[in-house]
Amino acid sequence: MKEHFGPSGILRHLEWSDVALVLAALFFAWLLAAAVRWILNHAAEKAPPRLRLSILRVVPLARLVIGVGAVAVIVPLLVEPSFESIVAFLASVSLALAFALKEYASSLVAGLVTVLENTYQPGDWIEMDGTYGEVKFIGVRAVHIVTAEDNEVIIPHYRFWTKKVTNATSGSHAVLCVADFYLHPDHDGAAVRQRLEDIGAAGARRKSDSKVSVVAQEEPWGTHYKLKAYVKESREQFDFITDLTLRGKEALRAMNVAFARVPYVQTGGK
């Protein structure tokens, strides 16, 4: 098969063997990317906790390298090997993507920026578009986040341009956890604060060299306490918050501290 494609002789005359090579290169790149992802994810789960995030960080970089390599192999098969034709071909493709796939192209660029700037990486806990969860996979078009409810949320990278991203870990294992307590205003605040600090410091999941703090804020219905402590492994943050809450509640009851109660108000038949 010999055919001539494209304006001004940008594309080569293609043989059936050229088409087969292009399809083979695409299939091999996809297969290699899937294999690398599986191997690195498997290695990260088996590796010591201190190495897990470092191994996961390689996944998007490896996929990017494989993609660039596939393009480098395919383009010479399609384009006449001259500087002018390659520049014209890339300009034509870019212009077509800009008009036909603006959001998709924006996601591609934003995904590249995300990887190069290391805005977030697999293993980080981030909040984007009101969704909080662990980054499981950074694809070419979107980031995959798994929430505490074990739901996978896929967010296109182009949201990165207009929405804020909150990164709770930024490549670290530790994450700040907050346990809330709502108490009746009539109590010994200094004693409550000290007891909550002791509860936080005694947590088995707490990062050993981290500080425990208690913040109090007076509300119309009582006093709101926030017990803040760092958990040593981000995946245990919700278990740690539960532990702080239950042990703190038990300790406050032992001190005969009354909890705040918001009066029930019936409005609109509800």
C-alpha atoms as a PDB file:
ATOM      1  CA  MET A   1       0.000   0.000   0.000  1.00  0.00           C
ATOM      2  CA  LYS A   2       1.372   3.362  -1.015  1.00  0.00           C
ATOM      3  CA  GLU A   3      -0.572   6.474  -0.181  1.00  0.00           C
ATOM      4  CA  HIS A   4       0.294  10.129   0.153  1.00  0.00           C
ATOM      5  CA  PHE A   5      -1.118  11.976   3.128  1.00  0.00           C
ATOM      6  CA  GLY A   6      -1.184  15.569   4.248  1.00  0.00           C
ATOM      7  CA  PRO A   7      -0.439  18.921   2.651  1.00  0.00           C
ATOM      8  CA  SER A   8       2.911  19.921   1.134  1.00  0.00           C
ATOM      9  CA  GLY A   9       4.336  16.424   1.493  1.00  0.00           C
ATOM     10  CA  ILE A  10       4.520  16.539   5.270  1.00  0.00           C
ATOM     11  CA  LEU A  11       3.600  12.872   5.694  1.00  0.00           C
ATOM     12  CA  ARG A  12       5.459  10.019   4.071  1.00  0.00           C
ATOM     13  CA  HIS A  13       4.268   7.511   1.507  1.00  0.00           C
ATOM     14  CA  LEU A  14       3.132   4.678   3.778  1.00  0.00           C
ATOM     15  CA  GLU A  15       3.635   0.975   3.189  1.00  0.00           C
ATOM     16  CA  TRP A  16       1.652  -1.696   4.987  1.00  0.00           C
ATOM     17  CA  SER A  17       4.828  -2.439   6.927  1.00  0.00           C
ATOM     18  CA  ASP A  18       4.892   1.183   8.184  1.00  0.00           C
ATOM     19  CA  VAL A  19       1.296   0.917   9.417  1.00  0.00           C
ATOM     20  CA  ALA A  20       2.126  -2.351  11.159  1.00  0.00           C
ATOM     21  CA  LEU A  21       5.159  -0.765  12.836  1.00  0.00           C
ATOM     22  CA  VAL A  22       3.062   2.172  14.078  1.00  0.00           C
ATOM     23  CA  LEU A  23       0.399  -0.146  15.536  1.00  0.00           C
ATOM     24  CA  ALA A  24       3.093  -2.351  17.067  1.00  0.00           C
ATOM     25  CA  ALA A  25       4.787   0.684  18.659  1.00  0.00           C
ATOM     26  CA  LEU A  26       1.485   1.871  20.146  1.00  0.00           C
ATOM     27  CA  PHE A  27       0.645  -1.572  21.494  1.00  0.00           C
ATOM     28  CA  PHE A  28       4.137  -2.093  22.931  1.00  0.00           C
ATOM     29  CA  ALA A  29       4.070   1.355  24.609  1.00  0.00           C
ATOM     30  CA  TRP A  30       0.668   0.619  26.166  1.00  0.00           C
ATOM     31  CA  LEU A  31       1.802  -2.833  27.297  1.00  0.00           C
ATOM     32  CA  LEU A  32       5.070  -1.492  28.724  1.00  0.00           C
ATOM     33  CA  ALA A  33       3.307   1.336  30.599  1.00  0.00           C
ATOM     34  CA  ALA A  34       0.801  -1.103  32.121  1.00  0.00           C
ATOM     35  CA  ALA A  35       3.591  -3.493  33.131  1.00  0.00           C
ATOM     36  CA  VAL A  36       5.715  -0.744  34.683  1.00  0.00           C
ATOM     37  CA  ARG A  37       2.730   0.579  36.614  1.00  0.00           C
ATOM     38  CA  TRP A  38       1.850  -2.892  37.952  1.00  0.00           C
ATOM     39  CA  ILE A  39       5.448  -3.701  38.900  1.00  0.00           C
ATOM     40  CA  LEU A  40       6.042  -0.392  40.691  1.00  0.00           C
ATOM     41  CA  ASN A  41       2.694  -0.500  42.537  1.00  0.00           C
ATOM     42  CA  HIS A  42       3.405  -4.072  43.619  1.00  0.00           C
ATOM     43  CA  ALA A  43       6.939  -3.128  44.698  1.00  0.00           C
ATOM     44  CA  ALA A  44       5.617  -0.126  46.658  1.00  0.00           C
ATOM     45  CA  GLU A  45       3.200  -2.302  48.624  1.00  0.00           C
ATOM     46  CA  LYS A  46       5.962  -4.793  49.452  1.00  0.00           C
ATOM     47  CA  ALA A  47       8.633  -2.179  50.234  1.00  0.00           C
ATOM     48  CA  PRO A  48       9.268  -0.697  53.703  1.00  0.00           C
ATOM     49  CA  PRO A  49       6.911   2.226  54.514  1.00  0.00           C
ATOM     50  CA  ARG A  50       9.736   4.773  54.176  1.00  0.00           C
ATOM     51  CA  LEU A  51      10.264   3.760  50.518  1.00  0.00           C
ATOM     52  CA  ARG A  52       6.615   3.455  49.421  1.00  0.00           C
ATOM     53  CA  LEU A  53       6.074   7.076  48.373  1.00  0.00           C
ATOM     54  CA  SER A  54       9.446   7.262  46.613  1.00  0.00           C
ATOM     55  CA  ILE A  55       8.595   4.216  44.498  1.00  0.00           C
ATOM     56  CA  LEU A  56       5.103   5.484  43.675  1.00  0.00           C
ATOM     57  CA  ARG A  57       6.605   8.806  42.584  1.00  0.00           C
ATOM     58  CA  VAL A  58       8.331   6.978  39.704  1.00  0.00           C
ATOM     59  CA  VAL A  59       5.042   5.735  38.169  1.00  0.00           C
ATOM     60  CA  PRO A  60       3.911   8.951  36.395  1.00  0.00           C
ATOM     61  CA  LEU A  61       7.492   9.783  35.398  1.00  0.00           C
ATOM     62  CA  ALA A  62       7.950   6.325  33.857  1.00  0.00           C
ATOM     63  CA  ARG A  63       4.667   6.639  31.925  1.00  0.00           C
ATOM     64  CA  LEU A  64       5.761  10.059  30.656  1.00  0.00           C
ATOM     65  CA  VAL A  65       9.101   8.673  29.438  1.00  0.00           C
ATOM     66  CA  ILE A  66       7.371   5.741  27.721  1.00  0.00           C
ATOM     67  CA  GLY A  67       4.917   8.092  26.008  1.00  0.00           C
ATOM     68  CA  VAL A  68       7.692  10.378  24.764  1.00  0.00           C
ATOM     69  CA  GLY A  69       9.619   7.341  23.532  1.00  0.00           C
ATOM     70  CA  ALA A  70       6.574   6.070  21.622  1.00  0.00           C
ATOM     71  CA  VAL A  71       6.126   9.451  19.929  1.00  0.00           C
ATOM     72  CA  ALA A  72       9.825   9.533  19.048  1.00  0.00           C
ATOM     73  CA  VAL A  73       9.488   6.128  17.352  1.00  0.00           C
ATOM     74  CA  ILE A  74       6.194   6.795  15.536  1.00  0.00           C
ATOM     75  CA  VAL A  75       6.813  10.319  14.188  1.00  0.00           C
ATOM     76  CA  PRO A  76       9.739   9.326  11.893  1.00  0.00           C
ATOM     77  CA  LEU A  77       7.525   6.597  10.408  1.00  0.00           C
ATOM     78  CA  LEU A  78       4.844   9.129   9.487  1.00  0.00           C
ATOM     79  CA  VAL A  79       6.712  12.333   8.731  1.00  0.00           C
ATOM     80  CA  GLU A  80       9.303  13.004   6.056  1.00  0.00           C
ATOM     81  CA  PRO A  81      12.652  13.238   7.869  1.00  0.00           C
ATOM     82  CA  SER A  82      13.295  16.960   7.474  1.00  0.00           C
ATOM     83  CA  PHE A  83      13.228  19.767  10.004  1.00  0.00           C
ATOM     84  CA  GLU A  84      10.621  21.792   8.114  1.00  0.00           C
ATOM     85  CA  SER A  85       8.193  18.887   7.731  1.00  0.00           C
ATOM     86  CA  ILE A  86       8.450  17.878  11.382  1.00  0.00           C
ATOM     87  CA  VAL A  87       7.812  21.450  12.540  1.00  0.00           C
ATOM     88  CA  ALA A  88       4.862  21.778  10.170  1.00  0.00           C
ATOM     89  CA  PHE A  89       3.438  18.451  11.313  1.00  0.00           C
ATOM     90  CA  LEU A  90       3.682  19.323  15.002  1.00  0.00           C
ATOM     91  CA  ALA A  91       2.142  22.748  14.367  1.00  0.00           C
ATOM     92  CA  SER A  92      -0.768  21.173  12.488  1.00  0.00           C
ATOM     93  CA  VAL A  93      -1.425  18.644  15.233  1.00  0.00           C
ATOM     94  CA  SER A  94      -1.230  21.312  17.938  1.00  0.00           C
ATOM     95  CA  LEU A  95      -3.647  23.579  16.087  1.00  0.00           C
ATOM     96  CA  ALA A  96      -6.138  20.748  15.566  1.00  0.00           C
ATOM     97  CA  LEU A  97      -6.012  19.793  19.238  1.00  0.00           C
ATOM     98  CA  ALA A  98      -6.397  23.397  20.325  1.00  0.00           C
ATOM     99  CA  PHE A  99      -9.679  23.802  18.426  1.00  0.00           C
ATOM    100  CA  ALA A 100     -11.188  20.322  18.614  1.00  0.00           C
ATOM    101  CA  LEU A 101     -10.078  19.191  22.052  1.00  0.00           C
ATOM    102  CA  LYS A 102      -9.499  22.319  24.080  1.00  0.00           C
ATOM    103  CA  GLU A 103     -10.347  20.819  27.444  1.00  0.00           C
ATOM    104  CA  TYR A 104      -8.547  17.580  26.680  1.00  0.00           C
ATOM    105  CA  ALA A 105      -5.460  19.458  25.518  1.00  0.00           C
ATOM    106  CA  SER A 106      -5.684  21.637  28.618  1.00  0.00           C
ATOM    107  CA  SER A 107      -5.801  18.474  30.747  1.00  0.00           C
ATOM    108  CA  LEU A 108      -2.717  17.118  28.983  1.00  0.00           C
ATOM    109  CA  VAL A 109      -0.749  20.297  29.613  1.00  0.00           C
ATOM    110  CA  ALA A 110      -1.974  20.545  33.203  1.00  0.00           C
ATOM    111  CA  GLY A 111      -1.036  16.888  33.751  1.00  0.00           C
ATOM    112  CA  LEU A 112       2.468  17.568  32.451  1.00  0.00           C
ATOM    113  CA  VAL A 113       2.778  20.601  34.733  1.00  0.00           C
ATOM    114  CA  THR A 114       1.519  18.529  37.664  1.00  0.00           C
ATOM    115  CA  VAL A 115       4.171  15.862  37.113  1.00  0.00           C
ATOM    116  CA  LEU A 116       7.041  18.292  36.507  1.00  0.00           C
ATOM    117  CA  GLU A 117       6.152  20.627  39.401  1.00  0.00           C
ATOM    118  CA  ASN A 118       5.303  17.690  41.684  1.00  0.00           C
ATOM    119  CA  THR A 119       2.100  19.432  42.822  1.00  0.00           C
ATOM    120  CA  TYR A 120       0.949  16.095  44.192  1.00  0.00           C
ATOM    121  CA  GLN A 121       2.114  12.536  43.780  1.00  0.00           C
ATOM    122  CA  PRO A 122       0.733   9.023  44.296  1.00  0.00           C
ATOM    123  CA  GLY A 123       0.314   8.437  48.007  1.00  0.00           C
ATOM    124  CA  ASP A 124      -0.479  12.080  48.846  1.00  0.00           C
ATOM    125  CA  TRP A 125      -3.790  13.019  50.470  1.00  0.00           C
ATOM    126  CA  ILE A 126      -5.277  15.994  48.642  1.00  0.00           C
ATOM    127  CA  GLU A 127      -8.537  17.906  48.410  1.00  0.00           C
ATOM    128  CA  MET A 128      -9.721  19.092  45.007  1.00  0.00           C
ATOM    129  CA  ASP A 129     -13.212  20.110  43.910  1.00  0.00           C
ATOM    130  CA  GLY A 130     -14.534  19.250  47.365  1.00  0.00           C
ATOM    131  CA  THR A 131     -13.134  15.698  47.220  1.00  0.00           C
ATOM    132  CA  TYR A 132     -10.605  14.546  49.820  1.00  0.00           C
ATOM    133  CA  GLY A 133      -8.709  11.317  49.361  1.00  0.00           C
ATOM    134  CA  GLU A 134      -5.467   9.536  48.518  1.00  0.00           C
ATOM    135  CA  VAL A 135      -3.913   9.999  45.085  1.00  0.00           C
ATOM    136  CA  LYS A 136      -3.793   6.520  43.575  1.00  0.00           C
ATOM    137  CA  PHE A 137      -2.871   7.277  39.981  1.00  0.00           C
ATOM    138  CA  ILE A 138      -1.854  10.307  37.907  1.00  0.00           C
ATOM    139  CA  GLY A 139      -2.921   9.656  34.339  1.00  0.00           C
ATOM    140  CA  VAL A 140      -2.318  11.651  31.185  1.00  0.00           C
ATOM    141  CA  ARG A 141      -5.759  13.281  31.385  1.00  0.00           C
ATOM    142  CA  ALA A 142      -6.872  13.003  34.999  1.00  0.00           C
ATOM    143  CA  VAL A 143      -5.909  12.245  38.578  1.00  0.00           C
ATOM    144  CA  HIS A 144      -7.542   9.297  40.353  1.00  0.00           C
ATOM    145  CA  ILE A 145      -8.391   9.869  44.031  1.00  0.00           C
ATOM    146  CA  VAL A 146      -9.704   7.227  46.435  1.00  0.00           C
ATOM    147  CA  THR A 147     -11.777   8.697  49.276  1.00  0.00           C
ATOM    148  CA  ALA A 148     -12.179   7.452  52.848  1.00  0.00           C
ATOM    149  CA  GLU A 149     -15.397   5.742  51.695  1.00  0.00           C
ATOM    150  CA  ASP A 150     -13.283   3.767  49.173  1.00  0.00           C
ATOM    151  CA  ASN A 151     -14.811   5.609  46.215  1.00  0.00           C
ATOM    152  CA  GLU A 152     -12.548   6.358  43.264  1.00  0.00           C
ATOM    153  CA  VAL A 153     -13.006   9.918  41.985  1.00  0.00           C
ATOM    154  CA  ILE A 154     -11.474  10.884  38.632  1.00  0.00           C
ATOM    155  CA  ILE A 155     -10.795  14.602  38.235  1.00  0.00           C
ATOM    156  CA  PRO A 156      -9.513  16.031  34.912  1.00  0.00           C
ATOM    157  CA  HIS A 157      -6.226  17.870  35.207  1.00  0.00           C
ATOM    158  CA  TYR A 158      -7.607  21.046  33.606  1.00  0.00           C
ATOM    159  CA  ARG A 159      -9.435  21.745  36.895  1.00  0.00           C
ATOM    160  CA  PHE A 160      -5.957  22.433  38.232  1.00  0.00           C
ATOM    161  CA  TRP A 161      -5.961  25.800  36.401  1.00  0.00           C
ATOM    162  CA  THR A 162      -9.037  27.251  38.144  1.00  0.00           C
ATOM    163  CA  LYS A 163      -9.499  25.275  41.372  1.00  0.00           C
ATOM    164  CA  LYS A 164      -7.320  25.256  44.454  1.00  0.00           C
ATOM    165  CA  VAL A 165      -5.604  22.034  45.489  1.00  0.00           C
ATOM    166  CA  THR A 166      -4.987  21.332  49.171  1.00  0.00           C
ATOM    167  CA  ASN A 167      -2.181  18.839  49.801  1.00  0.00           C
ATOM    168  CA  ALA A 168      -2.248  17.457  53.345  1.00  0.00           C
ATOM    169  CA  THR A 169       0.958  15.407  53.046  1.00  0.00           C
ATOM    170  CA  SER A 170       3.169  16.823  50.227  1.00  0.00           C
ATOM    171  CA  GLY A 171       5.249  13.675  49.915  1.00  0.00           C
ATOM    172  CA  SER A 172       5.296  12.914  53.643  1.00  0.00           C
ATOM    173  CA  HIS A 173       3.776   9.984  55.506  1.00  0.00           C
ATOM    174  CA  ALA A 174       2.534  12.154  58.384  1.00  0.00           C
ATOM    175  CA  VAL A 175      -0.704  14.147  58.255  1.00  0.00           C
ATOM    176  CA  LEU A 176      -2.302  16.472  60.788  1.00  0.00           C
ATOM    177  CA  CYS A 177      -5.430  14.977  62.373  1.00  0.00           C
ATOM    178  CA  VAL A 178      -8.068  16.958  64.269  1.00  0.00           C
ATOM    179  CA  ALA A 179     -10.517  15.557  66.824  1.00  0.00           C
ATOM    180  CA  ASP A 180     -13.396  17.873  67.788  1.00  0.00           C
ATOM    181  CA  PHE A 181     -15.026  18.148  71.225  1.00  0.00           C
ATOM    182  CA  TYR A 182     -18.063  20.298  72.049  1.00  0.00           C
ATOM    183  CA  LEU A 183     -18.399  21.034  75.759  1.00  0.00           C
ATOM    184  CA  HIS A 184     -20.777  22.893  78.046  1.00  0.00           C
ATOM    185  CA  PRO A 185     -19.247  26.336  78.795  1.00  0.00           C
ATOM    186  CA  ASP A 186     -19.192  25.729  82.576  1.00  0.00           C
ATOM    187  CA  HIS A 187     -15.924  23.785  83.060  1.00  0.00           C
ATOM    188  CA  ASP A 188     -12.245  24.167  83.963  1.00  0.00           C
ATOM    189  CA  GLY A 189     -10.712  25.072  80.604  1.00  0.00           C
ATOM    190  CA  ALA A 190      -7.077  24.686  81.652  1.00  0.00           C
ATOM    191  CA  ALA A 191      -7.701  21.198  83.039  1.00  0.00           C
ATOM    192  CA  VAL A 192      -9.601  20.132  79.916  1.00  0.00           C
ATOM    193  CA  ARG A 193      -6.846  21.447  77.666  1.00  0.00           C
ATOM    194  CA  GLN A 194      -4.138  19.600  79.609  1.00  0.00           C
ATOM    195  CA  ARG A 195      -6.128  16.365  79.618  1.00  0.00           C
ATOM    196  CA  LEU A 196      -6.716  16.498  75.883  1.00  0.00           C
ATOM    197  CA  GLU A 197      -3.015  17.161  75.268  1.00  0.00           C
ATOM    198  CA  ASP A 198      -2.201  14.068  77.337  1.00  0.00           C
ATOM    199  CA  ILE A 199      -4.699  12.040  75.294  1.00  0.00           C
ATOM    200  CA  GLY A 200      -3.057  13.159  72.049  1.00  0.00           C
ATOM    201  CA  ALA A 201       0.486  12.489  73.274  1.00  0.00           C
ATOM    202  CA  ALA A 202      -0.453   8.943  74.343  1.00  0.00           C
ATOM    203  CA  GLY A 203      -1.835   7.957  70.927  1.00  0.00           C
ATOM    204  CA  ALA A 204      -0.196   4.788  69.610  1.00  0.00           C
ATOM    205  CA  ARG A 205      -0.420   6.006  66.000  1.00  0.00           C
ATOM    206  CA  ARG A 206       1.015   9.472  66.713  1.00  0.00           C
ATOM    207  CA  LYS A 207       4.233  10.531  65.021  1.00  0.00           C
ATOM    208  CA  SER A 208       6.700  10.388  67.907  1.00  0.00           C
ATOM    209  CA  ASP A 209       8.557  13.656  67.304  1.00  0.00           C
ATOM    210  CA  SER A 210       5.481  15.755  66.511  1.00  0.00           C
ATOM    211  CA  LYS A 211       3.768  18.364  68.670  1.00  0.00           C
ATOM    212  CA  VAL A 212       0.289  17.965  70.147  1.00  0.00           C
ATOM    213  CA  SER A 213      -1.825  21.106  70.452  1.00  0.00           C
ATOM    214  CA  VAL A 214      -5.306  21.995  71.661  1.00  0.00           C
ATOM    215  CA  VAL A 215      -7.248  24.979  70.333  1.00  0.00           C
ATOM    216  CA  ALA A 216     -10.380  26.288  72.089  1.00  0.00           C
ATOM    217  CA  GLN A 217     -13.029  28.583  70.676  1.00  0.00           C
ATOM    218  CA  GLU A 218     -16.080  29.890  72.497  1.00  0.00           C
ATOM    219  CA  GLU A 219     -19.407  29.486  70.701  1.00  0.00           C
ATOM    220  CA  PRO A 220     -22.942  30.635  71.668  1.00  0.00           C
ATOM    221  CA  TRP A 221     -23.836  27.065  72.640  1.00  0.00           C
ATOM    222  CA  GLY A 222     -20.596  26.155  74.462  1.00  0.00           C
ATOM    223  CA  THR A 223     -16.860  25.664  73.915  1.00  0.00           C
ATOM    224  CA  HIS A 224     -15.372  23.988  70.859  1.00  0.00           C
ATOM    225  CA  TYR A 225     -12.052  22.199  71.414  1.00  0.00           C
ATOM    226  CA  LYS A 226      -9.810  20.936  68.610  1.00  0.00           C
ATOM    227  CA  LEU A 227      -7.220  18.320  69.516  1.00  0.00           C
ATOM    228  CA  LYS A 228      -4.488  18.370  66.840  1.00  0.00           C
ATOM    229  CA  ALA A 229      -1.833  15.680  66.437  1.00  0.00           C
ATOM    230  CA  TYR A 230       0.157  14.143  63.575  1.00  0.00           C
ATOM    231  CA  VAL A 231      -0.390  10.512  62.651  1.00  0.00           C
ATOM    232  CA  LYS A 232       2.765   8.675  61.555  1.00  0.00           C
ATOM    233  CA  GLU A 233       1.111   6.938  58.573  1.00  0.00           C
ATOM    234  CA  SER A 234      -1.374   8.873  56.431  1.00  0.00           C
ATOM    235  CA  ARG A 235      -3.506   5.789  55.716  1.00  0.00           C
ATOM    236  CA  GLU A 236      -4.258   5.515  59.456  1.00  0.00           C
ATOM    237  CA  GLN A 237      -5.530   9.084  59.883  1.00  0.00           C
ATOM    238  CA  PHE A 238      -9.206   8.171  60.303  1.00  0.00           C
ATOM    239  CA  ASP A 239      -8.412   5.384  62.765  1.00  0.00           C
ATOM    240  CA  PHE A 240      -6.264   7.871  64.680  1.00  0.00           C
ATOM    241  CA  ILE A 241      -9.060  10.478  64.795  1.00  0.00           C
ATOM    242  CA  THR A 242     -11.485   7.819  66.032  1.00  0.00           C
ATOM    243  CA  ASP A 243      -9.018   6.749  68.735  1.00  0.00           C
ATOM    244  CA  LEU A 244      -8.477  10.354  69.880  1.00  0.00           C
ATOM    245  CA  THR A 245     -12.226  11.008  69.929  1.00  0.00           C
ATOM    246  CA  LEU A 246     -13.183   7.929  71.928  1.00  0.00           C
ATOM    247  CA  ARG A 247     -10.363   8.193  74.456  1.00  0.00           C
ATOM    248  CA  GLY A 248     -10.903  11.936  74.811  1.00  0.00           C
ATOM    249  CA  LYS A 249     -14.619  11.499  75.385  1.00  0.00           C
ATOM    250  CA  GLU A 250     -13.983   8.867  78.045  1.00  0.00           C
ATOM    251  CA  ALA A 251     -11.438  11.089  79.805  1.00  0.00           C
ATOM    252  CA  LEU A 252     -13.771  14.095  79.796  1.00  0.00           C
ATOM    253  CA  ARG A 253     -16.593  12.017  81.236  1.00  0.00           C
ATOM    254  CA  ALA A 254     -14.238  10.900  84.016  1.00  0.00           C
ATOM    255  CA  MET A 255     -13.677  14.594  84.781  1.00  0.00           C
ATOM    256  CA  ASN A 256     -17.475  15.104  85.013  1.00  0.00           C
ATOM    257  CA  VAL A 257     -17.392  17.599  82.178  1.00  0.00           C
ATOM    258  CA  ALA A 258     -20.768  18.074  80.502  1.00  0.00           C
ATOM    259  CA  PHE A 259     -21.000  18.031  76.730  1.00  0.00           C
ATOM    260  CA  ALA A 260     -22.769  20.804  74.851  1.00  0.00           C
ATOM    261  CA  ARG A 261     -26.293  20.224  73.644  1.00  0.00           C
ATOM    262  CA  VAL A 262     -27.766  22.325  70.873  1.00  0.00           C
ATOM    263  CA  PRO A 263     -31.514  22.913  71.476  1.00  0.00           C
ATOM    264  CA  TYR A 264     -33.811  21.228  68.968  1.00  0.00           C
ATOM    265  CA  VAL A 265     -35.735  23.812  66.962  1.00  0.00           C
ATOM    266  CA  GLN A 266     -38.693  22.774  64.801  1.00  0.00           C
ATOM    267  CA  THR A 267     -38.943  24.816  61.612  1.00  0.00           C
ATOM    268  CA  GLY A 268     -41.088  24.239  58.539  1.00  0.00           C
ATOM    269  CA  GLY A 269     -42.551  21.012  59.902  1.00  0.00           C
ATOM    270  CA  LYS A 270     -39.073  19.395  60.077  1.00  0.00           C
END
